[in-house]
Amino acid sequence: MNNLPNILTVLRIAVIPFLVLVFYLPVSWGHAAAAIIFACASVTDWLDGYLARSLKQSTKLGAFLDPVADKLMVSIALVLIVGEPQFQYFSLNSGDYSVPIAMITIPAAIIVSREIIVSALREWMAELGKRTSIAVSHLGKIKTTVQMISVIILLFCNPRTTPYLAILGYILLYIAAVLTIWSMVIYIKAAWPELKEQ
């Protein structure tokens, strides 16, 4: 595989086990390292697409692997975040607060569900030869950016991190979830004529 964009995509998949490993390391820098790995992977997500276009190295394999790598990274990162007990408690100046686990589970479930639905929809439209009719929109790119920032923040947080940073991550994750639903509606609307016909 001498195609640089595809190599970057495969590397993004290959680092996932290391993301999980360093997140659970019993060291003070574990979460920060996980956040850095995810941030670097997010940059390669943009970079491989840019290189594929600029070097004219777009391939069918790359078109398949790129969304797979993205969804694997995001889904696994969200599983790590949802399973982190420290997000259930906040100690602010005014006292200690318990946060229902659903507060982090709901937006994570929405985001993962949307990725599954849109992936299935794209595959189905591709079989009909009309994949371009549901190409990535500007809203989808904004959603991805907000989502990546929120995940990086939440991966970075640990029990010693200021709770306000975690709250910011929560807020951005909810914004990403809203944008996720909005962009999914746009995709379904674009595909609706075919869905209705079938």
N, C-alpha and C. Protein backbone atom coordinates (compact mmCIF):
# COMPACT_ATOMS: atom_id res chain seq x y z
N MET A 1 0.85 -1.19 0.00
CA MET A 1 0.00 0.00 0.00
C MET A 1 0.89 1.24 0.00
N ASN A 2 1.14 1.79 -1.20
CA ASN A 2 2.01 2.95 -1.32
C ASN A 2 1.23 4.25 -1.49
N ASN A 3 -0.02 4.21 -1.13
CA ASN A 3 -0.88 5.37 -1.20
C ASN A 3 -0.87 6.07 0.16
N LEU A 4 -0.30 7.29 0.23
CA LEU A 4 -0.12 7.98 1.51
C LEU A 4 -1.43 8.23 2.25
N PRO A 5 -2.48 8.73 1.58
CA PRO A 5 -3.75 8.93 2.30
C PRO A 5 -4.28 7.64 2.94
N ASN A 6 -4.17 6.53 2.20
CA ASN A 6 -4.65 5.26 2.75
C ASN A 6 -3.78 4.79 3.93
N ILE A 7 -2.48 5.05 3.85
CA ILE A 7 -1.58 4.70 4.97
C ILE A 7 -1.99 5.46 6.23
N LEU A 8 -2.28 6.75 6.06
CA LEU A 8 -2.71 7.56 7.21
C LEU A 8 -4.01 7.03 7.80
N THR A 9 -4.92 6.61 6.94
CA THR A 9 -6.19 6.07 7.40
C THR A 9 -5.99 4.77 8.18
N VAL A 10 -5.14 3.89 7.66
CA VAL A 10 -4.86 2.63 8.35
C VAL A 10 -4.17 2.89 9.69
N LEU A 11 -3.27 3.86 9.72
CA LEU A 11 -2.60 4.21 10.98
C LEU A 11 -3.62 4.71 12.00
N ARG A 12 -4.63 5.43 11.53
CA ARG A 12 -5.67 5.93 12.44
C ARG A 12 -6.41 4.77 13.10
N ILE A 13 -6.61 3.72 12.37
CA ILE A 13 -7.25 2.52 12.94
C ILE A 13 -6.28 1.80 13.88
N ALA A 14 -5.01 1.76 13.47
CA ALA A 14 -4.00 1.01 14.25
C ALA A 14 -3.75 1.60 15.62
N VAL A 15 -3.94 2.91 15.79
CA VAL A 15 -3.65 3.54 17.09
C VAL A 15 -4.78 3.37 18.10
N ILE A 16 -5.92 2.85 17.65
CA ILE A 16 -7.06 2.72 18.57
C ILE A 16 -6.71 1.88 19.81
N PRO A 17 -6.05 0.72 19.67
CA PRO A 17 -5.69 -0.03 20.89
C PRO A 17 -4.80 0.77 21.84
N PHE A 18 -3.92 1.59 21.29
CA PHE A 18 -3.05 2.42 22.13
C PHE A 18 -3.85 3.51 22.84
N LEU A 19 -4.88 4.03 22.17
CA LEU A 19 -5.77 5.00 22.79
C LEU A 19 -6.42 4.41 24.03
N VAL A 20 -6.94 3.20 23.89
CA VAL A 20 -7.59 2.52 25.02
C VAL A 20 -6.58 2.22 26.12
N LEU A 21 -5.41 1.74 25.72
CA LEU A 21 -4.39 1.36 26.70
C LEU A 21 -3.95 2.54 27.56
N VAL A 22 -3.58 3.65 26.91
CA VAL A 22 -3.07 4.78 27.68
C VAL A 22 -4.18 5.44 28.51
N PHE A 23 -5.42 5.36 28.05
CA PHE A 23 -6.53 5.94 28.82
C PHE A 23 -6.67 5.26 30.17
N TYR A 24 -6.40 3.94 30.19
CA TYR A 24 -6.57 3.17 31.42
C TYR A 24 -5.27 2.97 32.20
N LEU A 25 -4.17 3.53 31.71
CA LEU A 25 -2.93 3.42 32.47
C LEU A 25 -3.07 4.11 33.82
N PRO A 26 -2.57 3.48 34.90
CA PRO A 26 -2.67 4.09 36.23
C PRO A 26 -1.61 5.15 36.47
N VAL A 27 -1.56 6.12 35.57
CA VAL A 27 -0.59 7.21 35.66
C VAL A 27 -1.32 8.53 35.50
N SER A 28 -0.72 9.60 35.98
CA SER A 28 -1.39 10.90 35.95
C SER A 28 -1.56 11.46 34.55
N TRP A 29 -0.70 11.00 33.61
CA TRP A 29 -0.74 11.56 32.26
C TRP A 29 -1.51 10.69 31.28
N GLY A 30 -2.15 9.64 31.76
CA GLY A 30 -2.84 8.70 30.88
C GLY A 30 -3.93 9.35 30.04
N HIS A 31 -4.80 10.13 30.70
CA HIS A 31 -5.90 10.76 29.97
C HIS A 31 -5.39 11.81 28.99
N ALA A 32 -4.36 12.54 29.40
CA ALA A 32 -3.79 13.56 28.50
C ALA A 32 -3.20 12.89 27.26
N ALA A 33 -2.53 11.76 27.46
CA ALA A 33 -1.95 11.04 26.32
C ALA A 33 -3.03 10.53 25.39
N ALA A 34 -4.13 10.03 25.98
CA ALA A 34 -5.25 9.56 25.16
C ALA A 34 -5.84 10.70 24.35
N ALA A 35 -5.96 11.87 24.98
CA ALA A 35 -6.50 13.04 24.28
C ALA A 35 -5.58 13.46 23.13
N ILE A 36 -4.27 13.38 23.35
CA ILE A 36 -3.31 13.74 22.30
C ILE A 36 -3.39 12.76 21.13
N ILE A 37 -3.50 11.46 21.44
CA ILE A 37 -3.61 10.45 20.39
C ILE A 37 -4.87 10.70 19.56
N PHE A 38 -5.98 10.98 20.24
CA PHE A 38 -7.23 11.24 19.53
C PHE A 38 -7.12 12.51 18.69
N ALA A 39 -6.49 13.54 19.24
CA ALA A 39 -6.33 14.81 18.51
C ALA A 39 -5.49 14.59 17.25
N CYS A 40 -4.40 13.85 17.38
CA CYS A 40 -3.55 13.57 16.22
C CYS A 40 -4.30 12.77 15.17
N ALA A 41 -5.09 11.80 15.63
CA ALA A 41 -5.89 11.00 14.69
C ALA A 41 -6.91 11.88 13.98
N SER A 42 -7.47 12.85 14.71
CA SER A 42 -8.45 13.77 14.11
C SER A 42 -7.80 14.62 13.02
N VAL A 43 -6.56 15.02 13.26
CA VAL A 43 -5.83 15.81 12.26
C VAL A 43 -5.57 14.97 11.02
N THR A 44 -5.21 13.70 11.19
CA THR A 44 -4.95 12.84 10.03
C THR A 44 -6.24 12.59 9.26
N ASP A 45 -7.39 12.66 9.94
CA ASP A 45 -8.67 12.53 9.25
C ASP A 45 -8.81 13.63 8.20
N TRP A 46 -8.47 14.85 8.58
CA TRP A 46 -8.51 15.96 7.63
C TRP A 46 -7.39 15.82 6.60
N LEU A 47 -6.20 15.41 7.08
CA LEU A 47 -5.02 15.38 6.22
C LEU A 47 -5.14 14.34 5.12
N ASP A 48 -5.65 13.15 5.44
CA ASP A 48 -5.72 12.12 4.40
C ASP A 48 -6.70 12.51 3.30
N GLY A 49 -7.79 13.19 3.69
CA GLY A 49 -8.73 13.66 2.68
C GLY A 49 -8.12 14.73 1.79
N TYR A 50 -7.38 15.65 2.43
CA TYR A 50 -6.72 16.72 1.68
C TYR A 50 -5.69 16.14 0.71
N LEU A 51 -4.88 15.20 1.20
CA LEU A 51 -3.85 14.61 0.35
C LEU A 51 -4.45 13.80 -0.80
N ALA A 52 -5.53 13.09 -0.50
CA ALA A 52 -6.17 12.28 -1.55
C ALA A 52 -6.65 13.16 -2.69
N ARG A 53 -7.17 14.35 -2.34
CA ARG A 53 -7.64 15.27 -3.38
C ARG A 53 -6.48 15.96 -4.09
N SER A 54 -5.52 16.49 -3.32
CA SER A 54 -4.44 17.26 -3.90
C SER A 54 -3.46 16.40 -4.70
N LEU A 55 -3.25 15.16 -4.26
CA LEU A 55 -2.33 14.25 -4.96
C LEU A 55 -3.05 13.37 -5.97
N LYS A 56 -4.40 13.55 -6.01
CA LYS A 56 -5.22 12.73 -6.91
C LYS A 56 -5.00 11.23 -6.63
N GLN A 57 -5.05 10.90 -5.35
CA GLN A 57 -4.84 9.51 -4.93
C GLN A 57 -6.09 8.93 -4.27
N SER A 58 -7.26 9.45 -4.64
CA SER A 58 -8.50 8.91 -4.11
C SER A 58 -8.71 7.50 -4.65
N THR A 59 -9.05 6.58 -3.77
CA THR A 59 -9.28 5.19 -4.17
C THR A 59 -10.57 4.68 -3.53
N LYS A 60 -11.07 3.59 -4.07
CA LYS A 60 -12.27 2.98 -3.49
C LYS A 60 -11.98 2.44 -2.10
N LEU A 61 -10.75 1.92 -1.93
CA LEU A 61 -10.36 1.43 -0.60
C LEU A 61 -10.35 2.57 0.41
N GLY A 62 -9.79 3.71 0.01
CA GLY A 62 -9.76 4.86 0.91
C GLY A 62 -11.15 5.36 1.23
N ALA A 63 -12.03 5.36 0.23
CA ALA A 63 -13.41 5.81 0.45
C ALA A 63 -14.14 4.90 1.43
N PHE A 64 -13.74 3.62 1.46
CA PHE A 64 -14.33 2.67 2.40
C PHE A 64 -13.72 2.80 3.79
N LEU A 65 -12.37 2.88 3.83
CA LEU A 65 -11.67 2.86 5.12
C LEU A 65 -11.83 4.15 5.91
N ASP A 66 -11.87 5.30 5.23
CA ASP A 66 -11.89 6.59 5.92
C ASP A 66 -13.07 6.72 6.89
N PRO A 67 -14.32 6.50 6.43
CA PRO A 67 -15.43 6.60 7.40
C PRO A 67 -15.39 5.52 8.47
N VAL A 68 -14.86 4.33 8.12
CA VAL A 68 -14.74 3.26 9.12
C VAL A 68 -13.79 3.69 10.23
N ALA A 69 -12.65 4.26 9.85
CA ALA A 69 -11.67 4.73 10.84
C ALA A 69 -12.27 5.81 11.72
N ASP A 70 -12.99 6.76 11.11
CA ASP A 70 -13.60 7.85 11.88
C ASP A 70 -14.58 7.32 12.90
N LYS A 71 -15.45 6.44 12.45
CA LYS A 71 -16.51 5.94 13.33
C LYS A 71 -15.95 5.05 14.44
N LEU A 72 -14.93 4.27 14.13
CA LEU A 72 -14.29 3.46 15.16
C LEU A 72 -13.66 4.34 16.23
N MET A 73 -12.91 5.36 15.81
CA MET A 73 -12.24 6.26 16.76
C MET A 73 -13.26 6.94 17.67
N VAL A 74 -14.28 7.52 17.06
CA VAL A 74 -15.27 8.29 17.84
C VAL A 74 -16.05 7.36 18.76
N SER A 75 -16.53 6.23 18.24
CA SER A 75 -17.35 5.31 19.04
C SER A 75 -16.58 4.78 20.24
N ILE A 76 -15.35 4.35 20.02
CA ILE A 76 -14.55 3.80 21.12
C ILE A 76 -14.19 4.88 22.12
N ALA A 77 -13.88 6.08 21.65
CA ALA A 77 -13.59 7.19 22.57
C ALA A 77 -14.81 7.50 23.43
N LEU A 78 -16.00 7.49 22.83
CA LEU A 78 -17.23 7.76 23.59
C LEU A 78 -17.50 6.66 24.61
N VAL A 79 -17.20 5.42 24.26
CA VAL A 79 -17.36 4.31 25.22
C VAL A 79 -16.44 4.53 26.42
N LEU A 80 -15.20 4.94 26.15
CA LEU A 80 -14.25 5.21 27.24
C LEU A 80 -14.79 6.32 28.15
N ILE A 81 -15.32 7.38 27.54
CA ILE A 81 -15.81 8.53 28.30
C ILE A 81 -17.03 8.15 29.14
N VAL A 82 -17.97 7.41 28.52
CA VAL A 82 -19.19 7.02 29.24
C VAL A 82 -18.85 6.13 30.44
N GLY A 83 -17.82 5.30 30.28
CA GLY A 83 -17.46 4.38 31.36
C GLY A 83 -16.56 4.97 32.42
N GLU A 84 -16.24 6.27 32.31
CA GLU A 84 -15.35 6.92 33.27
C GLU A 84 -16.14 7.44 34.47
N PRO A 85 -15.98 6.87 35.67
CA PRO A 85 -16.79 7.26 36.84
C PRO A 85 -16.65 8.73 37.22
N GLN A 86 -15.50 9.34 36.98
CA GLN A 86 -15.29 10.70 37.48
C GLN A 86 -16.21 11.71 36.82
N PHE A 87 -16.82 11.36 35.69
CA PHE A 87 -17.74 12.29 35.04
C PHE A 87 -19.10 12.33 35.73
N GLN A 88 -19.30 11.44 36.71
CA GLN A 88 -20.57 11.42 37.42
C GLN A 88 -20.58 12.38 38.62
N TYR A 89 -19.43 12.95 38.96
CA TYR A 89 -19.35 13.80 40.14
C TYR A 89 -18.55 15.06 39.84
N PHE A 90 -19.04 16.18 40.35
CA PHE A 90 -18.34 17.44 40.19
C PHE A 90 -18.23 18.13 41.53
N SER A 91 -17.07 18.65 41.84
CA SER A 91 -16.87 19.43 43.06
C SER A 91 -16.62 20.88 42.66
N LEU A 92 -17.64 21.68 42.79
CA LEU A 92 -17.54 23.09 42.48
C LEU A 92 -17.44 23.89 43.78
N ASN A 93 -17.20 25.18 43.67
CA ASN A 93 -17.06 26.03 44.86
C ASN A 93 -18.29 26.00 45.74
N SER A 94 -19.45 25.82 45.11
CA SER A 94 -20.70 25.84 45.87
C SER A 94 -21.07 24.48 46.44
N GLY A 95 -20.25 23.46 46.20
CA GLY A 95 -20.54 22.15 46.77
C GLY A 95 -20.27 21.02 45.80
N ASP A 96 -20.56 19.80 46.23
CA ASP A 96 -20.38 18.62 45.39
C ASP A 96 -21.69 18.27 44.70
N TYR A 97 -21.59 17.87 43.44
CA TYR A 97 -22.77 17.56 42.65
C TYR A 97 -22.64 16.18 42.03
N SER A 98 -23.74 15.42 42.08
CA SER A 98 -23.79 14.12 41.43
C SER A 98 -24.52 14.30 40.10
N VAL A 99 -23.93 13.79 39.04
CA VAL A 99 -24.50 13.92 37.70
C VAL A 99 -24.97 12.55 37.23
N PRO A 100 -26.24 12.40 36.84
CA PRO A 100 -26.72 11.11 36.34
C PRO A 100 -25.87 10.66 35.15
N ILE A 101 -25.54 9.37 35.11
CA ILE A 101 -24.72 8.85 34.02
C ILE A 101 -25.42 9.06 32.68
N ALA A 102 -26.76 9.18 32.71
CA ALA A 102 -27.51 9.40 31.46
C ALA A 102 -27.12 10.72 30.80
N MET A 103 -26.61 11.67 31.59
CA MET A 103 -26.24 12.97 31.05
C MET A 103 -25.13 12.85 30.01
N ILE A 104 -24.28 11.85 30.15
CA ILE A 104 -23.21 11.64 29.18
C ILE A 104 -23.57 10.51 28.22
N THR A 105 -24.41 9.56 28.68
CA THR A 105 -24.77 8.42 27.84
C THR A 105 -25.68 8.83 26.69
N ILE A 106 -26.64 9.72 26.96
CA ILE A 106 -27.64 10.09 25.94
C ILE A 106 -26.99 10.74 24.72
N PRO A 107 -26.18 11.81 24.88
CA PRO A 107 -25.58 12.38 23.67
C PRO A 107 -24.64 11.41 22.97
N ALA A 108 -23.93 10.57 23.75
CA ALA A 108 -23.03 9.58 23.14
C ALA A 108 -23.83 8.58 22.31
N ALA A 109 -24.96 8.12 22.85
CA ALA A 109 -25.81 7.17 22.13
C ALA A 109 -26.38 7.79 20.86
N ILE A 110 -26.77 9.06 20.94
CA ILE A 110 -27.29 9.75 19.77
C ILE A 110 -26.24 9.82 18.66
N ILE A 111 -25.03 10.18 19.04
CA ILE A 111 -23.94 10.32 18.06
C ILE A 111 -23.61 8.98 17.41
N VAL A 112 -23.48 7.93 18.21
CA VAL A 112 -23.15 6.61 17.66
C VAL A 112 -24.30 6.10 16.78
N SER A 113 -25.53 6.29 17.22
CA SER A 113 -26.69 5.84 16.44
C SER A 113 -26.75 6.54 15.09
N ARG A 114 -26.48 7.84 15.09
CA ARG A 114 -26.50 8.59 13.84
C ARG A 114 -25.44 8.06 12.87
N GLU A 115 -24.25 7.76 13.39
CA GLU A 115 -23.19 7.26 12.53
C GLU A 115 -23.59 5.95 11.87
N ILE A 116 -24.25 5.08 12.62
CA ILE A 116 -24.69 3.80 12.08
C ILE A 116 -25.75 4.01 11.01
N ILE A 117 -26.73 4.87 11.30
CA ILE A 117 -27.82 5.12 10.36
C ILE A 117 -27.31 5.74 9.06
N VAL A 118 -26.48 6.78 9.17
CA VAL A 118 -25.98 7.47 7.98
C VAL A 118 -25.05 6.55 7.18
N SER A 119 -24.24 5.74 7.86
CA SER A 119 -23.36 4.80 7.15
C SER A 119 -24.19 3.80 6.34
N ALA A 120 -25.23 3.27 6.97
CA ALA A 120 -26.11 2.32 6.27
C ALA A 120 -26.80 3.00 5.09
N LEU A 121 -27.22 4.24 5.30
CA LEU A 121 -27.90 4.99 4.24
C LEU A 121 -26.97 5.25 3.06
N ARG A 122 -25.72 5.63 3.36
CA ARG A 122 -24.75 5.87 2.29
C ARG A 122 -24.45 4.59 1.51
N GLU A 123 -24.33 3.48 2.24
CA GLU A 123 -24.04 2.21 1.56
C GLU A 123 -25.19 1.82 0.65
N TRP A 124 -26.41 2.01 1.13
CA TRP A 124 -27.59 1.68 0.34
C TRP A 124 -27.68 2.57 -0.89
N MET A 125 -27.41 3.88 -0.72
CA MET A 125 -27.46 4.80 -1.86
C MET A 125 -26.34 4.49 -2.85
N ALA A 126 -25.20 4.02 -2.34
CA ALA A 126 -24.09 3.66 -3.23
C ALA A 126 -24.48 2.48 -4.11
N GLU A 127 -25.22 1.54 -3.54
CA GLU A 127 -25.68 0.39 -4.32
C GLU A 127 -26.62 0.83 -5.44
N LEU A 128 -27.33 1.94 -5.22
CA LEU A 128 -28.23 2.48 -6.24
C LEU A 128 -27.49 3.40 -7.21
N GLY A 129 -26.18 3.61 -6.93
CA GLY A 129 -25.39 4.48 -7.80
C GLY A 129 -25.66 5.95 -7.57
N LYS A 130 -26.16 6.31 -6.37
CA LYS A 130 -26.51 7.69 -6.09
C LYS A 130 -25.89 8.18 -4.79
N ARG A 131 -24.69 7.70 -4.50
CA ARG A 131 -24.00 8.08 -3.26
C ARG A 131 -23.74 9.58 -3.19
N THR A 132 -23.45 10.20 -4.35
CA THR A 132 -23.10 11.63 -4.35
C THR A 132 -24.27 12.51 -3.90
N SER A 133 -25.47 11.99 -3.97
CA SER A 133 -26.62 12.80 -3.57
C SER A 133 -26.68 13.00 -2.06
N ILE A 134 -25.89 12.20 -1.31
CA ILE A 134 -25.84 12.39 0.14
C ILE A 134 -24.38 12.57 0.57
N ALA A 135 -23.66 13.35 -0.19
CA ALA A 135 -22.27 13.64 0.15
C ALA A 135 -22.21 14.45 1.44
N VAL A 136 -21.01 14.49 2.05
CA VAL A 136 -20.82 15.21 3.31
C VAL A 136 -21.16 16.69 3.13
N SER A 137 -21.97 17.23 4.02
CA SER A 137 -22.40 18.62 3.93
C SER A 137 -21.52 19.49 4.82
N HIS A 138 -21.66 20.82 4.67
CA HIS A 138 -20.92 21.74 5.53
C HIS A 138 -21.35 21.57 6.98
N LEU A 139 -22.65 21.33 7.19
CA LEU A 139 -23.14 21.11 8.55
C LEU A 139 -22.48 19.87 9.15
N GLY A 140 -22.31 18.82 8.34
CA GLY A 140 -21.66 17.61 8.82
C GLY A 140 -20.23 17.87 9.25
N LYS A 141 -19.54 18.76 8.51
CA LYS A 141 -18.16 19.09 8.86
C LYS A 141 -18.11 19.89 10.16
N ILE A 142 -19.09 20.80 10.34
CA ILE A 142 -19.15 21.57 11.60
C ILE A 142 -19.43 20.62 12.76
N LYS A 143 -20.36 19.71 12.55
CA LYS A 143 -20.69 18.72 13.58
C LYS A 143 -19.46 17.92 13.97
N THR A 144 -18.71 17.48 12.97
CA THR A 144 -17.51 16.68 13.23
C THR A 144 -16.49 17.48 14.04
N THR A 145 -16.31 18.75 13.70
CA THR A 145 -15.35 19.59 14.41
C THR A 145 -15.73 19.76 15.87
N VAL A 146 -17.00 20.10 16.13
CA VAL A 146 -17.47 20.27 17.51
C VAL A 146 -17.36 18.96 18.27
N GLN A 147 -17.72 17.88 17.61
CA GLN A 147 -17.67 16.56 18.23
C GLN A 147 -16.24 16.18 18.60
N MET A 148 -15.30 16.41 17.70
CA MET A 148 -13.90 16.07 17.98
C MET A 148 -13.36 16.89 19.15
N ILE A 149 -13.68 18.19 19.18
CA ILE A 149 -13.19 19.04 20.28
C ILE A 149 -13.75 18.56 21.61
N SER A 150 -15.05 18.23 21.63
CA SER A 150 -15.67 17.78 22.88
C SER A 150 -15.05 16.47 23.36
N VAL A 151 -14.80 15.55 22.44
CA VAL A 151 -14.20 14.26 22.81
C VAL A 151 -12.78 14.45 23.33
N ILE A 152 -12.01 15.32 22.67
CA ILE A 152 -10.64 15.59 23.13
C ILE A 152 -10.66 16.14 24.56
N ILE A 153 -11.56 17.08 24.83
CA ILE A 153 -11.66 17.67 26.17
C ILE A 153 -12.02 16.60 27.20
N LEU A 154 -13.02 15.78 26.89
CA LEU A 154 -13.50 14.79 27.85
C LEU A 154 -12.49 13.66 28.06
N LEU A 155 -11.75 13.30 27.02
CA LEU A 155 -10.68 12.32 27.20
C LEU A 155 -9.58 12.88 28.09
N PHE A 156 -9.32 14.16 27.96
CA PHE A 156 -8.25 14.82 28.72
C PHE A 156 -8.58 14.90 30.21
N CYS A 157 -9.85 15.08 30.53
CA CYS A 157 -10.24 15.30 31.92
C CYS A 157 -9.94 14.08 32.81
N ASN A 158 -9.51 14.37 34.03
CA ASN A 158 -9.31 13.35 35.05
C ASN A 158 -9.74 13.94 36.39
N PRO A 159 -9.71 13.17 37.47
CA PRO A 159 -10.21 13.69 38.75
C PRO A 159 -9.51 14.96 39.24
N ARG A 160 -8.33 15.26 38.72
CA ARG A 160 -7.61 16.46 39.14
C ARG A 160 -7.86 17.66 38.23
N THR A 161 -8.57 17.42 37.13
CA THR A 161 -8.85 18.51 36.19
C THR A 161 -9.96 19.40 36.73
N THR A 162 -9.90 20.69 36.45
CA THR A 162 -10.97 21.57 36.88
C THR A 162 -12.30 21.10 36.31
N PRO A 163 -13.33 21.00 37.13
CA PRO A 163 -14.62 20.49 36.64
C PRO A 163 -15.24 21.37 35.55
N TYR A 164 -14.85 22.62 35.51
CA TYR A 164 -15.40 23.51 34.49
C TYR A 164 -15.00 23.07 33.09
N LEU A 165 -13.83 22.45 32.97
CA LEU A 165 -13.40 21.94 31.67
C LEU A 165 -14.28 20.77 31.24
N ALA A 166 -14.59 19.89 32.19
CA ALA A 166 -15.48 18.77 31.90
C ALA A 166 -16.86 19.27 31.52
N ILE A 167 -17.34 20.30 32.21
CA ILE A 167 -18.66 20.87 31.88
C ILE A 167 -18.65 21.43 30.47
N LEU A 168 -17.55 22.09 30.09
CA LEU A 168 -17.42 22.59 28.71
C LEU A 168 -17.50 21.42 27.73
N GLY A 169 -16.83 20.32 28.06
CA GLY A 169 -16.89 19.14 27.20
C GLY A 169 -18.30 18.61 27.06
N TYR A 170 -19.04 18.59 28.19
CA TYR A 170 -20.44 18.18 28.18
C TYR A 170 -21.24 19.05 27.21
N ILE A 171 -21.10 20.36 27.37
CA ILE A 171 -21.87 21.30 26.57
C ILE A 171 -21.59 21.10 25.08
N LEU A 172 -20.31 20.98 24.73
CA LEU A 172 -19.95 20.79 23.33
C LEU A 172 -20.46 19.46 22.80
N LEU A 173 -20.47 18.43 23.67
CA LEU A 173 -20.97 17.13 23.24
C LEU A 173 -22.47 17.20 22.95
N TYR A 174 -23.21 17.97 23.77
CA TYR A 174 -24.64 18.14 23.52
C TYR A 174 -24.88 18.94 22.24
N ILE A 175 -24.06 19.95 22.00
CA ILE A 175 -24.17 20.71 20.75
C ILE A 175 -23.91 19.78 19.57
N ALA A 176 -22.89 18.94 19.70
CA ALA A 176 -22.58 17.98 18.64
C ALA A 176 -23.74 17.01 18.42
N ALA A 177 -24.40 16.59 19.51
CA ALA A 177 -25.53 15.68 19.38
C ALA A 177 -26.68 16.34 18.63
N VAL A 178 -26.94 17.62 18.93
CA VAL A 178 -28.00 18.35 18.22
C VAL A 178 -27.65 18.48 16.73
N LEU A 179 -26.40 18.85 16.45
CA LEU A 179 -25.96 18.97 15.05
C LEU A 179 -26.00 17.61 14.36
N THR A 180 -25.74 16.56 15.13
CA THR A 180 -25.79 15.19 14.60
C THR A 180 -27.19 14.86 14.10
N ILE A 181 -28.20 15.17 14.92
CA ILE A 181 -29.58 14.91 14.53
C ILE A 181 -29.96 15.77 13.32
N TRP A 182 -29.57 17.02 13.34
CA TRP A 182 -29.86 17.95 12.26
C TRP A 182 -29.26 17.45 10.94
N SER A 183 -27.97 17.08 10.97
CA SER A 183 -27.32 16.62 9.74
C SER A 183 -27.92 15.30 9.26
N MET A 184 -28.34 14.43 10.20
CA MET A 184 -28.96 13.17 9.81
C MET A 184 -30.28 13.42 9.10
N VAL A 185 -31.04 14.38 9.58
CA VAL A 185 -32.30 14.74 8.92
C VAL A 185 -32.04 15.22 7.49
N ILE A 186 -30.98 16.00 7.31
CA ILE A 186 -30.63 16.48 5.97
C ILE A 186 -30.28 15.31 5.06
N TYR A 187 -29.50 14.35 5.57
CA TYR A 187 -29.14 13.17 4.77
C TYR A 187 -30.39 12.37 4.39
N ILE A 188 -31.27 12.16 5.37
CA ILE A 188 -32.48 11.39 5.10
C ILE A 188 -33.37 12.13 4.10
N LYS A 189 -33.45 13.45 4.24
CA LYS A 189 -34.25 14.25 3.31
C LYS A 189 -33.71 14.13 1.89
N ALA A 190 -32.37 14.13 1.75
CA ALA A 190 -31.75 14.01 0.43
C ALA A 190 -32.03 12.64 -0.19
N ALA A 191 -32.09 11.62 0.67
CA ALA A 191 -32.31 10.26 0.19
C ALA A 191 -33.79 9.88 0.14
N TRP A 192 -34.66 10.75 0.64
CA TRP A 192 -36.06 10.41 0.79
C TRP A 192 -36.75 9.99 -0.51
N PRO A 193 -36.49 10.68 -1.65
CA PRO A 193 -37.13 10.23 -2.89
C PRO A 193 -36.85 8.76 -3.21
N GLU A 194 -35.59 8.33 -2.98
CA GLU A 194 -35.26 6.94 -3.22
C GLU A 194 -35.88 6.03 -2.18
N LEU A 195 -35.87 6.47 -0.92
CA LEU A 195 -36.48 5.68 0.14
C LEU A 195 -37.96 5.49 -0.12
N LYS A 196 -38.62 6.56 -0.52
CA LYS A 196 -40.06 6.51 -0.78
C LYS A 196 -40.37 5.59 -1.95
N GLU A 197 -39.54 5.67 -2.99
CA GLU A 197 -39.76 4.84 -4.18
C GLU A 197 -39.59 3.37 -3.84
N GLN A 198 -38.56 3.05 -3.03
CA GLN A 198 -38.31 1.65 -2.68
C GLN A 198 -39.38 1.11 -1.74
